[in-house]
C-alpha atoms as a PDB file:
ATOM      1  CA  MET A   1     155.142 254.820 103.002  1.00  0.00           C
ATOM      2  CA  THR A   2     155.966 252.608 105.998  1.00  0.00           C
ATOM      3  CA  GLU A   3     152.306 252.523 107.038  1.00  0.00           C
ATOM      4  CA  ALA A   4     151.247 251.590 103.505  1.00  0.00           C
ATOM      5  CA  LEU A   5     153.737 248.703 103.408  1.00  0.00           C
ATOM      6  CA  GLN A   6     152.524 247.564 106.817  1.00  0.00           C
ATOM      7  CA  TRP A   7     148.896 247.514 105.678  1.00  0.00           C
ATOM      8  CA  LEU A   8     149.677 245.661 102.462  1.00  0.00           C
ATOM      9  CA  GLY A   9     151.896 243.184 104.305  1.00  0.00           C
ATOM     10  CA  LEU A  10     149.139 242.443 106.793  1.00  0.00           C
ATOM     11  CA  ALA A  11     146.628 242.073 103.940  1.00  0.00           C
ATOM     12  CA  LEU A  12     148.918 239.573 102.225  1.00  0.00           C
ATOM     13  CA  ILE A  13     149.286 237.536 105.423  1.00  0.00           C
ATOM     14  CA  GLN A  14     145.529 237.674 106.039  1.00  0.00           C
ATOM     15  CA  GLY A  15     144.839 236.385 102.540  1.00  0.00           C
ATOM     16  CA  LEU A  16     147.423 233.598 102.657  1.00  0.00           C
ATOM     17  CA  THR A  17     146.562 232.312 106.121  1.00  0.00           C
ATOM     18  CA  GLU A  18     142.765 232.752 106.327  1.00  0.00           C
ATOM     19  CA  TYR A  19     142.033 229.415 104.661  1.00  0.00           C
ATOM     20  CA  LEU A  20     145.109 227.423 105.615  1.00  0.00           C
ATOM     21  CA  PRO A  21     144.810 225.560 108.944  1.00  0.00           C
ATOM     22  CA  ILE A  22     147.500 227.682 110.594  1.00  0.00           C
ATOM     23  CA  SER A  23     145.497 230.631 112.036  1.00  0.00           C
ATOM     24  CA  SER A  24     145.442 234.001 110.331  1.00  0.00           C
ATOM     25  CA  SER A  25     144.783 235.819 113.616  1.00  0.00           C
ATOM     26  CA  ALA A  26     147.886 234.269 115.163  1.00  0.00           C
ATOM     27  CA  HIS A  27     150.118 235.448 112.338  1.00  0.00           C
ATOM     28  CA  LEU A  28     148.606 238.952 112.307  1.00  0.00           C
ATOM     29  CA  ILE A  29     148.887 239.366 116.073  1.00  0.00           C
ATOM     30  CA  LEU A  30     152.412 237.988 116.158  1.00  0.00           C
ATOM     31  CA  LEU A  31     153.602 240.135 113.288  1.00  0.00           C
ATOM     32  CA  SER A  32     152.346 243.257 115.026  1.00  0.00           C
ATOM     33  CA  TYR A  33     153.652 242.084 118.398  1.00  0.00           C
ATOM     34  CA  PHE A  34     157.202 241.235 117.356  1.00  0.00           C
ATOM     35  CA  SER A  35     157.689 243.858 114.645  1.00  0.00           C
ATOM     36  CA  GLY A  36     156.608 246.693 116.876  1.00  0.00           C
ATOM     37  CA  TRP A  37     153.978 247.803 114.372  1.00  0.00           C
ATOM     38  CA  GLN A  38     150.986 249.462 115.918  1.00  0.00           C
ATOM     39  CA  TYR A  39     147.586 247.794 115.574  1.00  0.00           C
ATOM     40  CA  GLN A  40     146.417 248.603 112.048  1.00  0.00           C
ATOM     41  CA  GLY A  41     142.871 249.480 113.108  1.00  0.00           C
ATOM     42  CA  LEU A  42     139.423 248.115 112.469  1.00  0.00           C
ATOM     43  CA  VAL A  43     139.069 249.616 108.992  1.00  0.00           C
ATOM     44  CA  VAL A  44     142.128 247.748 107.748  1.00  0.00           C
ATOM     45  CA  ASP A  45     140.800 244.578 109.396  1.00  0.00           C
ATOM     46  CA  ILE A  46     137.468 245.056 107.629  1.00  0.00           C
ATOM     47  CA  ALA A  47     139.104 245.614 104.245  1.00  0.00           C
ATOM     48  CA  ALA A  48     141.396 242.576 104.598  1.00  0.00           C
ATOM     49  CA  HIS A  49     138.603 240.277 105.758  1.00  0.00           C
ATOM     50  CA  PHE A  50     136.273 241.504 103.056  1.00  0.00           C
ATOM     51  CA  GLY A  51     138.918 240.636 100.480  1.00  0.00           C
ATOM     52  CA  THR A  52     139.089 237.058 101.772  1.00  0.00           C
ATOM     53  CA  LEU A  53     135.280 236.909 101.717  1.00  0.00           C
ATOM     54  CA  LEU A  54     135.208 237.947  98.053  1.00  0.00           C
ATOM     55  CA  ALA A  55     137.784 235.231  97.304  1.00  0.00           C
ATOM     56  CA  VAL A  56     135.689 232.398  98.740  1.00  0.00           C
ATOM     57  CA  LEU A  57     132.533 233.776  97.092  1.00  0.00           C
ATOM     58  CA  LEU A  58     134.272 233.754  93.722  1.00  0.00           C
ATOM     59  CA  TYR A  59     135.796 230.298  94.170  1.00  0.00           C
ATOM     60  CA  TYR A  60     132.480 228.757  95.255  1.00  0.00           C
ATOM     61  CA  ARG A  61     130.371 230.899  92.922  1.00  0.00           C
ATOM     62  CA  LYS A  62     128.379 227.900  91.671  1.00  0.00           C
ATOM     63  CA  GLN A  63     127.345 226.826  95.172  1.00  0.00           C
ATOM     64  CA  VAL A  64     126.641 230.430  96.156  1.00  0.00           C
ATOM     65  CA  GLY A  65     124.579 230.919  92.990  1.00  0.00           C
ATOM     66  CA  ASP A  66     122.585 227.777  93.744  1.00  0.00           C
ATOM     67  CA  ILE A  67     121.820 229.097  97.227  1.00  0.00           C
ATOM     68  CA  LEU A  68     120.789 232.544  95.986  1.00  0.00           C
ATOM     69  CA  LEU A  69     118.557 231.054  93.277  1.00  0.00           C
ATOM     70  CA  GLY A  70     116.926 228.646  95.721  1.00  0.00           C
ATOM     71  CA  ARG A  71     118.327 225.540  94.038  1.00  0.00           C
ATOM     72  CA  ASP A  72     120.149 224.241  97.113  1.00  0.00           C
ATOM     73  CA  SER A  73     118.080 224.902 100.207  1.00  0.00           C
ATOM     74  CA  THR A  74     119.907 222.161 102.135  1.00  0.00           C
ATOM     75  CA  LEU A  75     123.258 223.928 101.818  1.00  0.00           C
ATOM     76  CA  PHE A  76     121.586 227.228 102.711  1.00  0.00           C
ATOM     77  CA  PHE A  77     120.257 225.818 105.985  1.00  0.00           C
ATOM     78  CA  TYR A  78     123.548 224.055 106.692  1.00  0.00           C
ATOM     79  CA  LEU A  79     125.379 227.388 106.443  1.00  0.00           C
ATOM     80  CA  LEU A  80     122.688 229.256 108.369  1.00  0.00           C
ATOM     81  CA  VAL A  81     122.871 226.809 111.273  1.00  0.00           C
ATOM     82  CA  SER A  82     126.672 226.759 111.116  1.00  0.00           C
ATOM     83  CA  ALA A  83     126.753 230.488 111.880  1.00  0.00           C
ATOM     84  CA  LEU A  84     124.533 230.380 114.974  1.00  0.00           C
ATOM     85  CA  PRO A  85     126.946 229.041 117.657  1.00  0.00           C
ATOM     86  CA  LEU A  86     129.723 231.391 116.524  1.00  0.00           C
ATOM     87  CA  GLY A  87     127.333 234.337 116.388  1.00  0.00           C
ATOM     88  CA  VAL A  88     125.993 233.726 119.898  1.00  0.00           C
ATOM     89  CA  ALA A  89     129.443 233.089 121.362  1.00  0.00           C
ATOM     90  CA  GLY A  90     130.826 236.147 119.613  1.00  0.00           C
ATOM     91  CA  LEU A  91     128.161 238.398 121.113  1.00  0.00           C
ATOM     92  CA  LEU A  92     128.666 236.964 124.592  1.00  0.00           C
ATOM     93  CA  VAL A  93     132.437 236.646 124.909  1.00  0.00           C
ATOM     94  CA  ALA A  94     134.184 238.265 121.921  1.00  0.00           C
ATOM     95  CA  ASP A  95     135.264 241.387 123.813  1.00  0.00           C
ATOM     96  CA  VAL A  96     136.455 239.366 126.808  1.00  0.00           C
ATOM     97  CA  LEU A  97     138.495 236.984 124.647  1.00  0.00           C
ATOM     98  CA  ASP A  98     139.886 239.883 122.634  1.00  0.00           C
ATOM     99  CA  SER A  99     141.072 241.547 125.840  1.00  0.00           C
ATOM    100  CA  HIS A 100     142.499 238.510 127.641  1.00  0.00           C
ATOM    101  CA  LEU A 101     143.525 235.876 125.081  1.00  0.00           C
ATOM    102  CA  ARG A 102     145.658 237.798 122.589  1.00  0.00           C
ATOM    103  CA  ALA A 103     148.826 237.056 124.542  1.00  0.00           C
ATOM    104  CA  PRO A 104     151.636 235.224 122.679  1.00  0.00           C
ATOM    105  CA  TRP A 105     151.657 232.269 125.118  1.00  0.00           C
ATOM    106  CA  VAL A 106     147.952 231.667 124.416  1.00  0.00           C
ATOM    107  CA  ILE A 107     148.643 231.684 120.681  1.00  0.00           C
ATOM    108  CA  ALA A 108     151.531 229.247 121.161  1.00  0.00           C
ATOM    109  CA  LEU A 109     149.432 226.830 123.214  1.00  0.00           C
ATOM    110  CA  ALA A 110     146.473 226.977 120.821  1.00  0.00           C
ATOM    111  CA  SER A 111     148.730 226.556 117.799  1.00  0.00           C
ATOM    112  CA  ALA A 112     150.344 223.442 119.250  1.00  0.00           C
ATOM    113  CA  VAL A 113     147.259 221.739 120.692  1.00  0.00           C
ATOM    114  CA  PHE A 114     144.991 222.300 117.706  1.00  0.00           C
ATOM    115  CA  GLY A 115     147.815 221.425 115.324  1.00  0.00           C
ATOM    116  CA  VAL A 116     148.128 217.970 116.914  1.00  0.00           C
ATOM    117  CA  LEU A 117     144.348 217.509 116.837  1.00  0.00           C
ATOM    118  CA  LEU A 118     144.333 218.420 113.133  1.00  0.00           C
ATOM    119  CA  PHE A 119     146.852 215.683 112.399  1.00  0.00           C
ATOM    120  CA  TRP A 120     144.969 213.086 114.459  1.00  0.00           C
ATOM    121  CA  SER A 121     141.682 213.934 112.772  1.00  0.00           C
ATOM    122  CA  GLN A 122     143.220 213.119 109.381  1.00  0.00           C
ATOM    123  CA  LYS A 123     143.497 209.503 110.549  1.00  0.00           C
ATOM    124  CA  LYS A 124     139.740 209.466 111.264  1.00  0.00           C
ATOM    125  CA  SER A 125     138.679 210.792 107.854  1.00  0.00           C
ATOM    126  CA  ARG A 126     136.783 208.448 105.563  1.00  0.00           C
ATOM    127  CA  ASP A 127     134.302 209.411 102.848  1.00  0.00           C
ATOM    128  CA  VAL A 128     131.049 210.099 104.699  1.00  0.00           C
ATOM    129  CA  GLU A 129     128.615 212.529 103.077  1.00  0.00           C
ATOM    130  CA  LEU A 130     127.912 215.837 104.806  1.00  0.00           C
ATOM    131  CA  ASN A 131     124.909 215.562 107.121  1.00  0.00           C
ATOM    132  CA  TRP A 132     123.302 217.428 110.014  1.00  0.00           C
ATOM    133  CA  ARG A 133     125.382 215.634 112.663  1.00  0.00           C
ATOM    134  CA  ILE A 134     128.608 216.697 110.983  1.00  0.00           C
ATOM    135  CA  VAL A 135     127.336 220.244 110.355  1.00  0.00           C
ATOM    136  CA  ILE A 136     126.527 220.647 114.057  1.00  0.00           C
ATOM    137  CA  MET A 137     129.917 219.234 115.088  1.00  0.00           C
ATOM    138  CA  MET A 138     131.748 221.628 112.758  1.00  0.00           C
ATOM    139  CA  SER A 139     129.544 224.540 113.870  1.00  0.00           C
ATOM    140  CA  LEU A 140     130.296 223.970 117.543  1.00  0.00           C
ATOM    141  CA  ALA A 141     133.991 223.507 116.798  1.00  0.00           C
ATOM    142  CA  GLN A 142     134.022 226.843 114.969  1.00  0.00           C
ATOM    143  CA  VAL A 143     133.357 228.605 118.280  1.00  0.00           C
ATOM    144  CA  LEU A 144     136.874 227.596 119.363  1.00  0.00           C
ATOM    145  CA  ALA A 145     138.186 229.779 116.540  1.00  0.00           C
ATOM    146  CA  LEU A 146     137.565 232.743 118.858  1.00  0.00           C
ATOM    147  CA  ILE A 147     140.749 231.625 120.618  1.00  0.00           C
ATOM    148  CA  PRO A 148     143.699 233.285 118.828  1.00  0.00           C
ATOM    149  CA  GLY A 149     145.907 230.619 117.320  1.00  0.00           C
ATOM    150  CA  ALA A 150     143.188 227.986 116.999  1.00  0.00           C
ATOM    151  CA  SER A 151     142.509 228.655 113.283  1.00  0.00           C
ATOM    152  CA  ARG A 152     138.893 228.746 112.118  1.00  0.00           C
ATOM    153  CA  SER A 153     139.599 226.660 109.043  1.00  0.00           C
ATOM    154  CA  GLY A 154     141.830 224.294 111.012  1.00  0.00           C
ATOM    155  CA  ILE A 155     139.385 223.568 113.824  1.00  0.00           C
ATOM    156  CA  THR A 156     136.406 223.117 111.492  1.00  0.00           C
ATOM    157  CA  MET A 157     138.362 220.797 109.195  1.00  0.00           C
ATOM    158  CA  THR A 158     139.467 218.867 112.277  1.00  0.00           C
ATOM    159  CA  ALA A 159     135.854 218.387 113.388  1.00  0.00           C
ATOM    160  CA  GLY A 160     134.746 217.440 109.880  1.00  0.00           C
ATOM    161  CA  MET A 161     137.446 214.822 109.401  1.00  0.00           C
ATOM    162  CA  TRP A 162     136.925 213.478 112.918  1.00  0.00           C
ATOM    163  CA  ALA A 163     133.252 212.966 112.001  1.00  0.00           C
ATOM    164  CA  GLY A 164     134.172 211.038 108.849  1.00  0.00           C
ATOM    165  CA  LEU A 165     134.463 213.549 106.003  1.00  0.00           C
ATOM    166  CA  ASN A 166     137.442 213.157 103.720  1.00  0.00           C
ATOM    167  CA  LYS A 167     139.914 216.040 103.559  1.00  0.00           C
ATOM    168  CA  ALA A 168     138.419 217.651 100.447  1.00  0.00           C
ATOM    169  CA  LYS A 169     134.838 217.602 101.755  1.00  0.00           C
ATOM    170  CA  ALA A 170     135.900 218.881 105.167  1.00  0.00           C
ATOM    171  CA  ALA A 171     137.885 221.729 103.604  1.00  0.00           C
ATOM    172  CA  SER A 172     135.117 222.665 101.149  1.00  0.00           C
ATOM    173  CA  PHE A 173     132.450 222.985 103.829  1.00  0.00           C
ATOM    174  CA  SER A 174     134.897 224.732 106.147  1.00  0.00           C
ATOM    175  CA  PHE A 175     135.555 227.333 103.449  1.00  0.00           C
ATOM    176  CA  LEU A 176     131.830 227.752 102.764  1.00  0.00           C
ATOM    177  CA  MET A 177     131.287 228.223 106.509  1.00  0.00           C
ATOM    178  CA  ALA A 178     133.666 231.162 106.243  1.00  0.00           C
ATOM    179  CA  ILE A 179     131.055 233.136 104.288  1.00  0.00           C
ATOM    180  CA  PRO A 180     128.631 233.762 107.194  1.00  0.00           C
ATOM    181  CA  ALA A 181     131.506 233.731 109.711  1.00  0.00           C
ATOM    182  CA  ILE A 182     133.441 236.501 107.939  1.00  0.00           C
ATOM    183  CA  LEU A 183     130.225 238.433 107.291  1.00  0.00           C
ATOM    184  CA  MET A 184     129.496 238.408 111.024  1.00  0.00           C
ATOM    185  CA  SER A 185     133.027 239.338 112.076  1.00  0.00           C
ATOM    186  CA  THR A 186     133.161 242.105 109.467  1.00  0.00           C
ATOM    187  CA  ALA A 187     129.781 243.462 110.570  1.00  0.00           C
ATOM    188  CA  TYR A 188     130.949 243.392 114.202  1.00  0.00           C
ATOM    189  CA  ALA A 189     134.155 245.263 113.348  1.00  0.00           C
ATOM    190  CA  LEU A 190     132.214 247.749 111.231  1.00  0.00           C
ATOM    191  CA  PHE A 191     129.821 248.386 114.117  1.00  0.00           C
ATOM    192  CA  LYS A 192     132.737 249.064 116.475  1.00  0.00           C
ATOM    193  CA  TRP A 193     134.365 251.353 113.925  1.00  0.00           C
ATOM    194  CA  ILE A 194     131.161 253.358 113.454  1.00  0.00           C
ATOM    195  CA  GLN A 195     131.169 254.020 117.176  1.00  0.00           C
ATOM    196  CA  ASP A 196     134.639 255.586 116.879  1.00  0.00           C
ATOM    197  CA  PRO A 197     135.330 256.379 113.206  1.00  0.00           C
ATOM    198  CA  THR A 198     138.684 257.565 111.925  1.00  0.00           C
ATOM    199  CA  ALA A 199     139.637 258.850 108.500  1.00  0.00           C
ATOM    200  CA  HIS A 200     141.437 256.517 106.099  1.00  0.00           C
ATOM    201  CA  ASP A 201     142.718 256.692 102.556  1.00  0.00           C
ATOM    202  CA  THR A 202     140.064 255.057 100.353  1.00  0.00           C
ATOM    203  CA  SER A 203     142.588 254.009  97.717  1.00  0.00           C
ATOM    204  CA  MET A 204     144.678 252.284 100.386  1.00  0.00           C
ATOM    205  CA  MET A 205     141.620 250.448 101.695  1.00  0.00           C
ATOM    206  CA  LEU A 206     140.898 249.205  98.182  1.00  0.00           C
ATOM    207  CA  SER A 207     144.530 248.125  97.808  1.00  0.00           C
ATOM    208  CA  VAL A 208     144.353 246.167 101.063  1.00  0.00           C
ATOM    209  CA  MET A 209     141.134 244.510  99.930  1.00  0.00           C
ATOM    210  CA  LEU A 210     142.616 243.603  96.534  1.00  0.00           C
ATOM    211  CA  MET A 211     145.831 242.191  98.038  1.00  0.00           C
ATOM    212  CA  SER A 212     143.876 240.092 100.516  1.00  0.00           C
ATOM    213  CA  PHE A 213     141.472 238.911  97.796  1.00  0.00           C
ATOM    214  CA  VAL A 214     144.201 237.783  95.383  1.00  0.00           C
ATOM    215  CA  ALA A 215     146.240 236.049  98.082  1.00  0.00           C
ATOM    216  CA  ALA A 216     143.183 234.242  99.488  1.00  0.00           C
ATOM    217  CA  TYR A 217     141.916 233.113  96.086  1.00  0.00           C
ATOM    218  CA  VAL A 218     145.319 231.720  95.077  1.00  0.00           C
ATOM    219  CA  CYS A 219     145.567 229.980  98.442  1.00  0.00           C
ATOM    220  CA  ILE A 220     142.124 228.334  98.133  1.00  0.00           C
ATOM    221  CA  HIS A 221     142.747 227.321  94.515  1.00  0.00           C
ATOM    222  CA  PHE A 222     146.037 225.522  95.132  1.00  0.00           C
ATOM    223  CA  PHE A 223     145.026 224.109  98.509  1.00  0.00           C
ATOM    224  CA  MET A 224     141.969 222.404  97.004  1.00  0.00           C
ATOM    225  CA  LYS A 225     144.012 221.202  94.012  1.00  0.00           C
ATOM    226  CA  LEU A 226     146.589 219.572  96.249  1.00  0.00           C
ATOM    227  CA  ILE A 227     144.574 218.633  99.320  1.00  0.00           C
ATOM    228  CA  GLU A 228     144.383 214.895  98.642  1.00  0.00           C
ATOM    229  CA  LYS A 229     148.188 214.819  98.271  1.00  0.00           C
ATOM    230  CA  ILE A 230     148.910 216.915 101.356  1.00  0.00           C
ATOM    231  CA  ASP A 231     149.727 215.117 104.573  1.00  0.00           C
ATOM    232  CA  PHE A 232     148.448 217.300 107.410  1.00  0.00           C
ATOM    233  CA  VAL A 233     151.430 216.234 109.478  1.00  0.00           C
ATOM    234  CA  TRP A 234     153.261 219.150 107.811  1.00  0.00           C
ATOM    235  CA  PHE A 235     150.724 221.615 109.180  1.00  0.00           C
ATOM    236  CA  MET A 236     151.178 220.062 112.620  1.00  0.00           C
ATOM    237  CA  HIS A 237     154.954 220.417 112.341  1.00  0.00           C
ATOM    238  CA  TYR A 238     154.585 224.035 111.230  1.00  0.00           C
ATOM    239  CA  ARG A 239     152.262 224.856 114.116  1.00  0.00           C
ATOM    240  CA  LEU A 240     154.523 223.152 116.656  1.00  0.00           C
ATOM    241  CA  LEU A 241     157.549 225.047 115.342  1.00  0.00           C
ATOM    242  CA  LEU A 242     155.561 228.283 115.428  1.00  0.00           C
ATOM    243  CA  ALA A 243     154.578 227.588 119.040  1.00  0.00           C
ATOM    244  CA  LEU A 244     158.196 226.838 119.957  1.00  0.00           C
ATOM    245  CA  LEU A 245     159.409 230.031 118.287  1.00  0.00           C
ATOM    246  CA  ILE A 246     156.845 232.082 120.188  1.00  0.00           C
ATOM    247  CA  LEU A 247     157.811 230.542 123.510  1.00  0.00           C
ATOM    248  CA  LEU A 248     161.540 231.058 122.848  1.00  0.00           C
ATOM    249  CA  THR A 249     160.994 234.739 122.150  1.00  0.00           C
ATOM    250  CA  LEU A 250     159.250 235.082 125.502  1.00  0.00           C
ATOM    251  CA  ILE A 251     162.198 233.732 127.498  1.00  0.00           C
END
């Protein structure tokens, strides 16, 4: 029962934090670190991430449909190119970063630094249309999401707003960029799991996926509804407080 609650709790956190600029990986690592829970395993990671992938696919079903039907080749190539830097960096350094940068002090530093940058980038946002220059900037910035605590959505929104996108456009493309990004990370985790498979309860995996899906969809829906009214200074404050809390627990 305790293990089931742990899995569902982690799925809920994954869903709620995947698309907010506060770093899902930071919250998952910290919860496990400070609660004493053992690492939930790759299969649970896969199920939780797949749930968040289904959420963004459903929310952006029109854009995804246009891509699949060949009606928006520009967006297709934007997303294809956006995945390349992250894919290459992941293959080259993912294991090294996973082994050396999951420490709480790294999460605290990344949370604080990238939180301040997120706030500053809001001041640079205008209403420029998405173009190749901005896509490349956001794609390169996404590589920094390999650092725990950086936040994939946060760092890509930061780059987009810094390049001139307004908050809504930066968030929308950031969320669309999650589709190939999560597909790659899920495939990587699945590959590692296949090398060392362990048995898991199928019904529990489906429950984790469903919890993550619902939480992520609700998060995307309300975030996009309210984004023009949200001052990103609150996300900066949250990330600075989170960093301070982490550092205090290490004393």
